[in-house]
Protein backbone atom coordinates (compact mmCIF):
# COMPACT_ATOMS: atom_id res chain seq x y z
CA MET A 1 -25.94 -7.20 -8.21
CA LEU A 2 -23.97 -4.95 -6.63
CA ARG A 3 -26.11 -5.31 -3.19
CA ALA A 4 -26.01 -8.98 -3.85
CA THR A 5 -22.61 -9.05 -4.01
CA TRP A 6 -21.94 -6.30 -0.70
CA ARG A 7 -24.14 -6.87 2.01
CA GLY A 8 -24.68 -3.67 3.68
CA LEU A 9 -24.12 -0.66 1.15
CA PRO A 10 -26.45 2.30 1.93
CA ALA A 11 -30.02 2.51 0.06
CA ARG A 12 -30.29 3.74 -2.92
CA ARG A 13 -31.52 7.81 -2.68
CA TYR A 14 -31.99 8.04 -6.70
CA ARG A 15 -31.77 6.13 -9.99
CA ALA A 16 -28.55 7.06 -12.09
CA GLY A 17 -28.08 8.21 -15.45
CA TRP A 18 -25.61 8.01 -17.46
CA GLU A 19 -23.60 10.15 -20.20
CA PRO A 20 -21.07 8.28 -21.86
CA GLY A 21 -18.32 9.46 -24.20
CA LEU A 22 -17.90 13.06 -23.40
CA VAL A 23 -14.56 14.54 -24.73
CA VAL A 24 -13.11 16.78 -22.42
CA PRO A 25 -9.71 18.48 -23.95
CA GLY A 26 -6.69 17.95 -21.47
CA ALA A 27 -4.11 20.43 -20.91
CA ASP A 28 -2.80 20.13 -24.06
CA GLY A 29 -5.47 19.77 -25.82
CA SER A 30 -5.40 15.57 -25.93
CA PRO A 31 -8.89 14.41 -25.85
CA LEU A 32 -9.77 12.61 -22.35
CA LEU A 33 -12.54 10.66 -22.71
CA THR A 34 -14.99 10.99 -20.05
CA ASP A 35 -17.74 9.48 -18.51
CA HIS A 36 -21.07 11.47 -16.98
CA TYR A 37 -23.52 9.53 -14.28
CA PHE A 38 -25.95 11.95 -12.39
CA PRO A 39 -29.19 11.44 -10.32
CA ARG A 40 -31.99 10.98 -11.99
CA ALA A 41 -33.78 13.98 -9.88
CA GLU A 42 -34.19 17.74 -9.81
CA GLY A 43 -31.79 20.08 -7.77
CA ASP A 44 -28.64 20.67 -7.62
CA PHE A 45 -25.75 18.14 -6.67
CA PRO A 46 -22.13 18.32 -5.68
CA THR A 47 -19.79 16.47 -8.46
CA LEU A 48 -17.10 14.13 -7.93
CA LEU A 49 -14.00 14.04 -9.99
CA VAL A 50 -12.58 10.03 -10.70
CA ARG A 51 -9.82 10.02 -13.05
CA SER A 52 -8.51 6.76 -13.75
CA PRO A 53 -5.49 4.88 -15.94
CA TYR A 54 -7.88 1.80 -15.30
CA GLY A 55 -10.36 2.41 -17.60
CA ARG A 56 -14.27 3.28 -17.07
CA GLY A 57 -15.60 -0.14 -17.17
CA LEU A 58 -15.71 -2.73 -14.60
CA PRO A 59 -15.03 -2.33 -11.69
CA TRP A 60 -14.86 1.68 -11.38
CA SER A 61 -18.40 2.62 -13.50
CA PRO A 62 -20.58 0.65 -10.80
CA LEU A 63 -18.42 1.44 -7.97
CA PHE A 64 -18.04 4.73 -8.02
CA GLY A 65 -20.31 5.97 -10.98
CA LEU A 66 -23.34 4.03 -10.64
CA LEU A 67 -22.89 3.79 -6.72
CA LEU A 68 -22.60 7.61 -5.98
CA ALA A 69 -24.57 8.88 -8.55
CA GLU A 70 -27.58 6.78 -6.27
CA GLN A 71 -26.23 8.59 -3.70
CA GLY A 72 -27.26 12.02 -4.52
CA PHE A 73 -23.74 13.13 -6.68
CA HIS A 74 -22.84 14.23 -10.09
CA VAL A 75 -19.92 11.69 -11.10
CA VAL A 76 -17.34 12.35 -13.83
CA LEU A 77 -14.95 9.61 -14.48
CA GLN A 78 -11.95 9.90 -16.85
CA SER A 79 -9.72 8.05 -18.61
CA CYS A 80 -6.08 9.48 -17.87
CA ARG A 81 -4.26 10.81 -20.90
CA GLY A 82 -3.16 7.93 -22.80
CA THR A 83 -5.49 4.90 -21.68
CA GLY A 84 -9.12 4.11 -21.71
CA GLY A 85 -9.21 5.85 -25.57
CA SER A 86 -8.01 9.12 -24.38
CA GLY A 87 -5.43 11.03 -26.58
CA GLY A 88 -1.61 11.82 -26.11
CA ALA A 89 0.94 9.28 -24.08
CA PHE A 90 0.62 8.28 -20.27
CA ASP A 91 3.10 8.93 -18.05
CA LEU A 92 3.23 7.76 -14.82
CA TRP A 93 3.12 11.65 -12.49
CA ARG A 94 4.05 14.64 -15.35
CA ASN A 95 0.79 14.91 -16.40
CA GLU A 96 -1.64 14.38 -13.63
CA ALA A 97 -1.97 18.06 -12.06
CA ALA A 98 -2.16 19.62 -15.45
CA ASP A 99 -4.84 17.52 -16.98
CA GLY A 100 -6.86 17.40 -13.44
CA HIS A 101 -6.92 21.35 -13.87
CA ALA A 102 -8.10 21.30 -17.24
CA THR A 103 -11.07 19.10 -16.56
CA VAL A 104 -11.93 21.44 -13.79
CA ALA A 105 -11.46 24.26 -16.36
CA TRP A 106 -13.99 21.99 -18.13
CA LEU A 107 -16.03 21.42 -15.46
CA ARG A 108 -16.73 25.42 -15.19
CA GLY A 109 -18.70 25.48 -18.10
CA GLN A 110 -21.08 22.69 -17.22
CA PRO A 111 -24.91 23.84 -16.46
CA TRP A 112 -25.29 21.35 -13.91
CA PHE A 113 -21.82 21.98 -12.36
CA THR A 114 -22.61 23.92 -8.70
CA GLY A 115 -19.33 24.86 -7.94
CA VAL A 116 -19.10 22.27 -5.34
CA LEU A 117 -16.26 19.69 -5.68
CA GLY A 118 -14.81 16.77 -4.92
CA THR A 119 -12.47 13.67 -5.52
CA ILE A 120 -12.24 10.07 -4.70
CA GLY A 121 -10.82 6.81 -5.74
CA PRO A 122 -8.30 4.11 -4.78
CA SER A 123 -4.59 3.32 -5.65
CA TYR A 124 -3.47 5.72 -8.51
CA LEU A 125 -6.52 7.30 -8.49
CA GLY A 126 -5.51 8.47 -5.24
CA TYR A 127 -2.60 9.79 -6.70
CA VAL A 128 -3.97 12.23 -9.82
CA GLN A 129 -5.49 13.88 -6.40
CA TRP A 130 -2.75 14.56 -4.80
CA ALA A 131 -1.52 15.84 -7.94
CA LEU A 132 -4.75 18.12 -8.04
CA ALA A 133 -4.26 19.31 -4.42
CA LEU A 134 -1.01 20.55 -5.31
CA ASP A 135 -2.68 23.42 -6.44
CA PRO A 136 -6.46 23.15 -5.34
CA PRO A 137 -8.80 25.01 -7.34
CA PRO A 138 -10.99 26.72 -5.06
CA GLU A 139 -13.99 24.48 -6.16
CA LEU A 140 -12.52 21.32 -4.19
CA LYS A 141 -13.87 21.00 -0.89
CA ALA A 142 -13.46 17.50 -0.08
CA MET A 143 -10.97 14.26 -0.86
CA VAL A 144 -10.85 10.34 -0.18
CA VAL A 145 -7.92 8.76 -0.70
CA GLN A 146 -8.52 4.57 -1.15
CA VAL A 147 -5.44 2.61 -0.46
CA GLY A 148 -3.88 5.69 -2.11
CA LEU A 149 -0.11 6.47 -3.44
CA HIS A 150 1.57 9.55 -3.49
CA ASP A 151 5.10 8.61 -3.85
CA PRO A 152 5.82 6.27 -7.24
CA HIS A 153 9.45 6.11 -6.06
CA ALA A 154 8.61 3.96 -2.82
CA LEU A 155 5.89 1.99 -4.58
CA PHE A 156 8.68 0.50 -6.66
CA HIS A 157 11.53 0.01 -4.17
CA THR A 158 12.63 -0.76 -0.63
CA ASP A 159 16.60 0.46 0.58
CA GLY A 160 17.63 -0.18 -3.22
CA ALA A 161 15.39 -3.58 -3.33
CA PRO A 162 13.09 -3.39 -6.40
CA HIS A 163 9.67 -4.38 -5.92
CA LEU A 164 10.02 -7.02 -8.42
CA GLU A 165 6.48 -8.65 -8.16
CA ASN A 166 4.21 -5.85 -7.06
CA ALA A 167 6.41 -3.94 -10.30
CA LEU A 168 4.82 -6.53 -12.90
CA ALA A 169 1.44 -6.73 -11.36
CA VAL A 170 1.63 -2.84 -11.79
CA ALA A 171 2.62 -3.02 -15.41
CA VAL A 172 0.54 -5.41 -16.30
CA GLY A 173 -2.79 -3.34 -14.85
CA MET A 174 -1.74 -0.10 -16.14
CA THR A 175 -1.02 -1.52 -19.54
CA HIS A 176 -4.00 -3.98 -19.92
CA GLN A 177 -6.34 -3.24 -17.73
CA HIS A 178 -7.87 0.03 -19.59
CA ARG A 179 -8.36 -2.07 -22.44
CA GLY A 180 -11.16 -4.28 -21.11
CA THR A 181 -11.71 -7.62 -18.60
CA VAL A 182 -10.73 -9.92 -20.66
CA PRO A 183 -7.65 -8.44 -22.24
CA PHE A 184 -6.69 -7.74 -18.68
CA LEU A 185 -7.75 -11.66 -17.40
CA LYS A 186 -5.36 -12.72 -20.18
CA ALA A 187 -2.62 -10.62 -19.56
CA THR A 188 -2.35 -11.57 -15.50
CA LEU A 189 -2.81 -15.29 -16.70
CA ARG A 190 0.31 -14.93 -18.85
CA LEU A 191 2.33 -13.33 -16.51
CA GLN A 192 1.66 -16.16 -14.02
CA ARG A 193 2.49 -18.88 -16.74
CA ARG A 194 5.35 -16.78 -16.96
CA LEU A 195 6.78 -15.61 -13.76
CA ARG A 196 9.17 -18.38 -12.96
CA ASP A 197 11.39 -17.52 -16.02
CA ILE A 198 11.40 -13.98 -15.71
CA ILE A 199 12.54 -13.70 -11.68
CA GLY A 200 15.03 -16.61 -12.67
CA ALA A 201 16.34 -14.89 -15.43
CA ARG A 202 19.91 -13.45 -15.11
CA PRO A 203 19.53 -10.45 -15.93
CA LEU A 204 17.01 -9.55 -14.40
CA ARG A 205 16.47 -5.88 -16.64
CA GLY A 206 14.11 -6.79 -19.98
CA ALA A 207 13.61 -10.28 -19.12
CA HIS A 208 9.36 -9.40 -17.96
CA ALA A 209 8.85 -8.43 -21.78
CA ALA A 210 7.72 -10.94 -23.69
CA ALA A 211 5.50 -11.76 -20.51
CA LEU A 212 3.83 -8.46 -20.56
CA GLY A 213 2.77 -8.46 -24.19
CA GLY A 214 5.57 -6.09 -24.84
CA GLU A 215 7.52 -3.18 -22.70
CA PRO A 216 5.52 -0.43 -20.97
CA PRO A 217 7.82 2.76 -22.13
CA TRP A 218 7.97 3.49 -17.98
CA LEU A 219 9.03 0.35 -16.21
CA ASP A 220 12.50 0.10 -16.90
CA GLY A 221 13.01 3.26 -16.10
CA VAL A 222 11.56 3.06 -12.67
CA MET A 223 13.09 -0.35 -12.06
CA SER A 224 16.54 0.83 -12.51
CA HIS A 225 16.46 4.06 -10.50
CA PRO A 226 16.41 2.77 -6.69
CA ASP A 227 17.87 6.23 -5.61
CA PRO A 228 15.33 8.48 -4.38
CA GLU A 229 17.53 11.66 -4.69
CA ASP A 230 17.95 10.58 -8.61
CA PRO A 231 16.89 13.32 -11.00
CA TYR A 232 14.49 11.16 -12.40
CA TRP A 233 12.42 10.80 -9.58
CA ASP A 234 11.56 14.90 -9.74
CA GLY A 235 8.22 15.84 -9.59
CA ALA A 236 7.25 12.62 -9.15
CA SER A 237 6.75 12.73 -5.44
CA LEU A 238 3.68 14.19 -3.91
CA ALA A 239 4.04 14.54 -0.04
CA GLU A 240 4.11 18.32 -0.47
CA PRO A 241 0.43 18.76 -0.89
CA ALA A 242 -0.44 17.12 2.30
CA GLU A 243 1.68 19.65 4.33
CA ARG A 244 -0.12 22.68 3.76
CA LEU A 245 -3.08 21.17 2.63
CA ARG A 246 -7.04 22.98 4.17
CA VAL A 247 -9.10 20.61 1.68
CA PRO A 248 -10.80 17.95 4.33
CA THR A 249 -9.51 14.71 3.27
CA ALA A 250 -10.82 11.28 4.54
CA LEU A 251 -7.67 8.29 4.36
CA ILE A 252 -8.16 4.88 3.73
CA THR A 253 -6.37 1.54 3.88
CA GLY A 254 -5.13 -1.82 5.39
CA TRP A 255 -2.96 -3.26 7.15
CA HIS A 256 -1.32 -5.43 4.62
CA ASP A 257 -2.00 -3.03 2.19
CA VAL A 258 1.53 -2.07 -0.37
CA LEU A 259 0.67 1.70 0.32
CA ALA A 260 -0.38 1.61 4.20
CA ASP A 261 2.81 3.67 4.82
CA GLN A 262 2.56 6.28 2.04
CA THR A 263 -1.26 6.75 3.63
CA LEU A 264 -0.08 7.15 7.87
CA ALA A 265 2.77 9.19 6.57
CA GLN A 266 -0.19 11.57 4.77
CA TYR A 267 -2.23 11.26 7.56
CA GLY A 268 0.47 12.75 9.98
CA ARG A 269 1.29 15.35 7.42
CA LEU A 270 -2.47 16.30 7.02
CA ARG A 271 -2.54 16.75 10.82
CA ARG A 272 0.37 18.77 11.48
CA ALA A 273 -0.87 21.19 8.71
CA GLY A 274 -4.07 21.85 10.76
CA CYS A 275 -5.76 19.55 8.06
CA PRO A 276 -9.40 18.31 8.57
CA ALA A 277 -8.69 14.66 8.34
CA SER A 278 -9.89 10.89 8.99
CA LEU A 279 -8.29 7.44 8.86
CA LEU A 280 -9.47 3.88 8.69
CA VAL A 281 -7.01 1.44 8.25
CA GLY A 282 -8.74 -2.27 8.25
CA PRO A 283 -8.04 -5.99 8.03
CA TRP A 284 -7.37 -5.56 4.43
CA THR A 285 -4.78 -5.82 1.31
CA HIS A 286 -4.98 -3.31 -1.43
CA THR A 287 -7.09 -5.20 -3.32
CA SER A 288 -9.35 -6.75 -0.54
CA ALA A 289 -10.25 -3.42 0.44
CA LEU A 290 -12.03 -2.79 -2.91
CA GLY A 291 -13.76 -6.22 -2.22
CA GLN A 292 -14.38 -8.04 0.78
CA GLY A 293 -13.64 -4.53 2.85
CA TRP A 294 -15.83 -2.47 -0.15
CA PRO A 295 -18.93 -1.77 2.13
CA ARG A 296 -17.21 -0.74 5.31
CA VAL A 297 -14.98 1.30 2.74
CA PHE A 298 -17.75 3.19 0.36
CA THR A 299 -19.97 3.75 3.70
CA GLU A 300 -16.84 5.82 5.44
CA SER A 301 -16.40 7.44 1.90
CA LEU A 302 -19.65 8.44 1.48
CA THR A 303 -20.03 10.20 4.76
CA TRP A 304 -17.33 12.13 4.86
CA LEU A 305 -18.64 13.30 1.14
CA ARG A 306 -21.76 13.85 2.50
CA ALA A 307 -20.60 16.02 5.33
CA HIS A 308 -18.47 18.34 3.41
CA LEU A 309 -20.21 18.14 0.01
CA HIS A 310 -23.86 18.35 1.50
CA ALA A 311 -23.21 19.26 4.77
CA ASP A 312 -24.33 16.34 6.32
CA PRO A 313 -22.09 15.46 9.19
CA THR A 314 -24.76 13.60 10.50
CA ASP A 315 -22.93 9.92 10.45
CA LEU A 316 -19.81 11.21 10.79
CA ARG A 317 -17.53 9.14 13.77
CA PRO A 318 -16.66 11.26 16.56
CA ALA A 319 -12.95 10.02 16.47
CA PRO A 320 -10.82 10.45 13.53
CA VAL A 321 -9.07 7.67 13.81
CA ARG A 322 -11.08 4.16 13.63
CA VAL A 323 -8.29 0.97 13.41
CA HIS A 324 -8.79 -2.81 13.33
CA LEU A 325 -7.52 -4.71 16.20
CA GLY A 326 -5.79 -7.97 14.54
CA GLY A 327 -5.50 -10.97 16.72
CA HIS A 328 -8.57 -9.81 18.15
CA GLY A 329 -11.02 -8.56 15.20
CA THR A 330 -12.44 -5.41 16.89
CA TRP A 331 -12.23 -1.94 15.88
CA HIS A 332 -11.17 0.86 18.05
CA ASP A 333 -11.55 4.59 17.94
CA LEU A 334 -8.50 6.68 18.23
CA PRO A 335 -7.80 10.65 19.01
CA ASP A 336 -4.86 10.59 16.65
CA TRP A 337 -2.33 8.11 15.14
CA PRO A 338 0.43 6.76 16.41
CA PRO A 339 -1.30 7.04 19.51
CA PRO A 340 0.45 6.50 22.76
CA ALA A 341 2.62 3.31 23.07
CA THR A 342 5.37 2.45 24.90
CA PRO A 343 8.61 1.30 22.88
CA THR A 344 9.31 -2.08 24.51
CA THR A 345 12.85 -4.23 23.22
CA TRP A 346 12.69 -8.05 22.67
CA HIS A 347 16.28 -9.31 22.62
CA ALA A 348 17.39 -12.21 19.91
CA ALA A 349 18.52 -15.22 22.63
CA PRO A 350 20.81 -18.46 22.33
CA ASP A 351 18.47 -21.43 21.96
CA ARG A 352 16.47 -19.34 19.50
CA ARG A 353 14.63 -17.52 21.84
CA LEU A 354 13.32 -14.02 22.07
CA THR A 355 13.60 -12.41 25.43
CA ARG A 356 12.63 -9.16 27.58
CA HIS A 357 16.18 -10.04 29.00
CA ALA A 358 19.58 -7.92 27.21
CA PRO A 359 22.00 -10.25 26.85
CA THR A 360 25.63 -8.86 27.35
CA GLY A 361 28.00 -8.36 24.76
CA SER A 362 27.86 -8.59 20.69
CA ALA A 363 28.77 -12.48 20.31
CA PRO A 364 27.33 -14.98 17.55
CA LEU A 365 24.11 -16.09 17.62
CA ALA A 366 23.15 -17.83 14.83
CA SER A 367 24.02 -18.27 11.59
CA PHE A 368 22.66 -19.22 7.88
CA ARG A 369 23.57 -19.80 4.38
CA TYR A 370 21.95 -17.68 1.72
CA ASP A 371 21.60 -18.95 -1.82
CA PRO A 372 20.46 -16.47 -3.94
CA ALA A 373 20.00 -19.64 -7.15
CA ASP A 374 17.29 -20.82 -4.78
CA PRO A 375 16.09 -17.17 -2.55
CA THR A 376 13.91 -17.28 0.38
CA PRO A 377 10.38 -16.61 -0.83
CA SER A 378 8.13 -14.47 0.43
CA LEU A 379 4.89 -15.70 1.30
CA GLY A 380 1.70 -13.19 2.43
CA GLY A 381 2.31 -9.71 3.48
CA PRO A 382 2.09 -6.35 1.77
CA LEU A 383 1.52 -7.98 -2.17
CA LEU A 384 -1.05 -7.55 -4.92
CA SER A 385 -1.61 -10.80 -5.97
CA ARG A 386 -3.65 -13.41 -4.27
CA THR A 387 -1.45 -14.55 -1.77
CA ALA A 388 -1.31 -11.17 0.23
CA GLY A 389 -2.13 -10.69 3.99
CA PRO A 390 -1.64 -12.84 7.13
CA GLN A 391 -0.95 -16.29 6.08
CA ASP A 392 0.72 -19.57 7.75
CA ASN A 393 4.71 -19.12 7.68
CA GLY A 394 5.36 -22.85 9.01
CA PRO A 395 6.65 -23.46 4.81
CA LEU A 396 8.86 -20.66 5.29
CA GLU A 397 10.32 -21.22 8.62
CA SER A 398 11.32 -24.73 8.03
CA ARG A 399 13.96 -23.58 5.81
CA ALA A 400 17.40 -23.39 6.74
CA ASP A 401 17.77 -19.94 5.47
CA VAL A 402 15.45 -18.31 7.96
CA LEU A 403 16.27 -17.37 12.24
CA THR A 404 13.69 -17.61 14.13
CA PHE A 405 13.25 -16.11 17.83
CA THR A 406 10.10 -17.02 19.77
CA GLY A 407 9.21 -16.00 23.41
CA PRO A 408 7.47 -17.63 26.16
CA PRO A 409 3.66 -17.93 25.35
CA LEU A 410 2.33 -14.86 26.73
CA THR A 411 0.14 -15.00 30.27
CA GLU A 412 -1.76 -11.71 29.49
CA PRO A 413 -2.53 -10.21 25.90
CA VAL A 414 -0.10 -7.63 24.50
CA GLU A 415 -1.53 -4.88 22.44
CA ILE A 416 0.71 -3.11 19.87
CA LEU A 417 -0.56 0.13 18.03
CA GLY A 418 2.32 1.78 15.94
CA PRO A 419 5.47 1.36 14.30
CA VAL A 420 7.19 -1.44 14.80
CA THR A 421 11.47 -1.43 13.99
CA ALA A 422 13.83 -3.97 14.40
CA ARG A 423 17.80 -2.84 14.82
CA VAL A 424 20.34 -6.10 14.26
CA SER A 425 23.76 -6.82 14.67
CA ILE A 426 25.12 -8.90 11.73
CA SER A 427 28.41 -10.11 9.73
CA THR A 428 28.56 -11.64 6.85
CA ASP A 429 31.62 -13.26 5.01
CA THR A 430 30.92 -10.85 1.76
CA GLY A 431 29.56 -7.54 2.81
CA HIS A 432 26.72 -7.50 0.38
CA ALA A 433 23.19 -9.13 1.44
CA HIS A 434 19.96 -7.93 2.38
CA VAL A 435 17.91 -8.53 5.74
CA PHE A 436 14.15 -9.45 5.41
CA THR A 437 12.54 -9.38 9.24
CA ARG A 438 8.96 -9.99 10.00
CA LEU A 439 6.70 -9.76 13.28
CA CYS A 440 4.35 -13.37 13.29
CA ASP A 441 1.71 -14.36 16.21
CA VAL A 442 2.30 -17.79 17.06
CA ASP A 443 -1.07 -19.58 18.90
CA PRO A 444 -0.85 -22.19 21.00
CA GLN A 445 -1.08 -24.91 18.35
CA GLY A 446 1.87 -23.42 16.77
CA ARG A 447 0.52 -21.52 13.64
CA SER A 448 2.85 -18.42 12.47
CA VAL A 449 1.00 -16.01 11.16
CA ASN A 450 2.64 -12.56 9.90
CA VAL A 451 2.08 -9.25 11.06
CA CYS A 452 4.31 -6.82 9.79
CA ASP A 453 7.78 -6.54 8.09
CA GLY A 454 10.52 -4.95 6.14
CA LEU A 455 13.79 -4.96 4.60
CA GLY A 456 17.21 -3.25 4.52
CA LEU A 457 20.26 -3.31 2.73
CA LEU A 458 23.72 -4.40 4.52
CA ARG A 459 26.19 -2.03 3.99
CA ALA A 460 29.39 -3.52 5.82
CA THR A 461 32.60 -4.71 5.36
CA ALA A 462 32.76 -8.09 5.11
CA HIS A 463 33.64 -10.46 8.74
CA SER A 464 32.96 -6.95 10.88
CA PRO A 465 29.09 -7.23 12.63
CA THR A 466 27.46 -4.07 11.50
CA ARG A 467 24.14 -2.63 13.11
CA LEU A 468 21.25 -2.04 10.39
CA THR A 469 17.97 -0.51 11.80
CA VAL A 470 14.94 -1.94 9.43
CA PRO A 471 11.72 -0.27 9.73
CA MET A 472 8.98 -2.54 9.92
CA SER A 473 5.64 -0.31 8.88
CA SER A 474 3.17 -0.18 11.91
CA THR A 475 0.17 -2.31 13.18
CA ALA A 476 -2.45 -2.52 15.65
CA HIS A 477 -2.64 -6.01 16.70
CA ARG A 478 -3.41 -7.91 20.09
CA PHE A 479 -1.51 -11.10 20.97
CA ALA A 480 -3.55 -12.97 22.98
CA ALA A 481 -3.15 -14.36 26.27
CA GLY A 482 -0.99 -18.31 25.75
CA HIS A 483 0.55 -16.97 22.16
CA ARG A 484 3.98 -16.43 21.26
CA ILE A 485 5.90 -13.47 19.78
CA ARG A 486 8.16 -14.56 17.08
CA TRP A 487 11.03 -12.65 15.46
CA GLN A 488 11.62 -14.18 11.88
CA LEU A 489 14.87 -13.03 9.53
CA SER A 490 16.02 -14.15 6.36
CA ALA A 491 18.22 -12.45 3.86
CA ALA A 492 15.35 -12.39 0.64
CA ALA A 493 11.77 -12.62 0.28
CA HIS A 494 12.12 -13.16 -3.34
CA PRO A 495 9.88 -12.38 -6.01
CA ARG A 496 8.25 -9.62 -3.24
CA TYR A 497 11.57 -7.87 -4.15
CA ALA A 498 14.38 -9.03 -6.35
CA ARG A 499 16.88 -11.55 -4.86
CA HIS A 500 20.63 -9.88 -3.99
CA PRO A 501 23.04 -11.41 -6.04
CA GLY A 502 25.38 -11.62 -3.34
CA THR A 503 27.37 -9.63 -4.79
CA HIS A 504 28.58 -5.26 -5.55
CA HIS A 505 26.19 -5.75 -8.60
CA THR A 506 22.77 -4.19 -9.13
CA PRO A 507 19.41 -6.56 -8.66
CA LEU A 508 18.46 -5.66 -11.94
CA ASP A 509 21.88 -6.08 -13.74
CA ALA A 510 23.66 -9.11 -11.87
CA THR A 511 24.62 -12.48 -14.33
CA THR A 512 26.95 -14.17 -11.25
CA LEU A 513 24.98 -15.29 -7.81
CA ARG A 514 27.32 -16.08 -5.03
CA PRO A 515 26.28 -17.37 -1.93
CA VAL A 516 26.72 -15.41 1.86
CA HIS A 517 27.04 -16.53 4.85
CA LEU A 518 25.13 -14.57 7.63
CA THR A 519 25.74 -14.46 11.43
CA LEU A 520 23.56 -12.30 13.84
CA HIS A 521 24.41 -11.27 16.94
CA THR A 522 23.38 -11.26 20.37
CA ASP A 523 22.77 -7.22 20.38
CA SER A 524 19.82 -7.41 17.66
CA THR A 525 16.69 -6.03 18.82
CA LEU A 526 13.17 -5.82 18.18
CA THR A 527 10.79 -2.96 19.30
CA LEU A 528 7.29 -3.39 19.81
CA PRO A 529 4.75 -0.30 20.79
CA TYR A 530 2.78 -1.60 23.56
CA GLY A 531 -0.51 0.35 23.60
CA VAL A 532 -1.65 2.58 26.36
CA GLY A 533 -5.43 2.85 26.87
CA VAL A 534 -6.81 0.48 24.41
CA GLY A 535 -7.72 -1.89 26.71
CA GLU A 536 -10.66 -4.65 26.13
CA GLY A 537 -13.50 -2.44 24.22
CA GLY A 538 -13.75 -1.84 21.40
CA VAL A 539 -16.90 -0.36 18.61
CA ASP A 540 -18.54 -2.75 16.01
CA ARG A 541 -20.21 0.30 13.54
């Protein structure tokens, strides 16, 4: 069934066996339920540790247990503390390092364990890998972090704005997925039915409890602490291991993955530390990397594990970085990320034009009214919902609370590779607002498709222009000849981000909403990293 669903999976090498329901003692003695998959063959095979808070059934059993055992690995698939029948209470970050080391200690006593260990897994299954890497056991020889998490704060907040829609999706997954497919689907449908009531509630705090079937004990905590320096987050970020790691690590993400920025940051840390590392960035969202992208993701992962656990580097690609070039549909191998680029500035200009020519002064350019009672909706981009990824932005750009500035038709292709940044000069009548800024590709028929975006919090004095720099994530994209570059601005992307109330109150606790008038000034710029030396070539492997 797997091979019928995903064309291009590697051929099976061994028949797989299964030993379910093993009990492994956690760091505090809590029983951690564990399944063991293995090749039905004589000989020694390395071991892969997969620790998950989402249960040990679908999709983890076939995607990791079965497929990897068929390729010549022992696979230890374990439910994290407090999930999937394991004892103790689940916590988003405080137990994973200790329980991971306790599991490795248990492995040392197994007759089939050869002392050669790797880790693999996506999302939170990546977080537990970074937790183990805080103090990597000597047996750990390779890691594969797929669309992985290392900083919980950045998953839930951007510049003080809660990631509302994604936080609710994470809560449903963490609360219900480990209980089985049917409970998880029921909980997901219940959230979809009640989403409008939740996101429109005043105050927002606690409004989700009924839709989630109870309050996840950690959700209010992560949502109500927007400051990354708050002691609440002490020990949550696992950025540190990458700064001194020596374990060969493969990183995989998608341009529309909610954790893409985290993956790219970890790759930079690994490279600066001199750690063997590879990076694959596809045209995927967080979930489609494990769906439509799975044959490529699995093959890339398997190649890395074979090279470092089986001493078989045959299929390793020659360059450490491979990225998908949006707008062109090709894959490109690069020596590093980000590659050399020429920062190129585009300027907002009168008549909603985007131009390379810098205007003089800082005169008012365009204004719009943001009404938090009818906030600008989110459309596409890095979400955990089925509407994630590239979307037609026409319906969004037709709203009165969205500004667009569009360049002329390009006479030749333009490739951008690296981080995109906006600098806006903006004033408001209240001093309180978010600024959402997005890069779009407009084809000759006028269809506008999102490429990347970002959000910033305006901290200003009423009526005084303020300069705000907004990071807009990174991308690899080609604007074809005849296409146009568009810069889109608004004051919300709701419910992706909790709406700004237009007052000094936090989005979680506000009960009063106040419309805000925003004025953009002429010294507002969009900086794009024009690619150097990528050209027309590409790889199709």
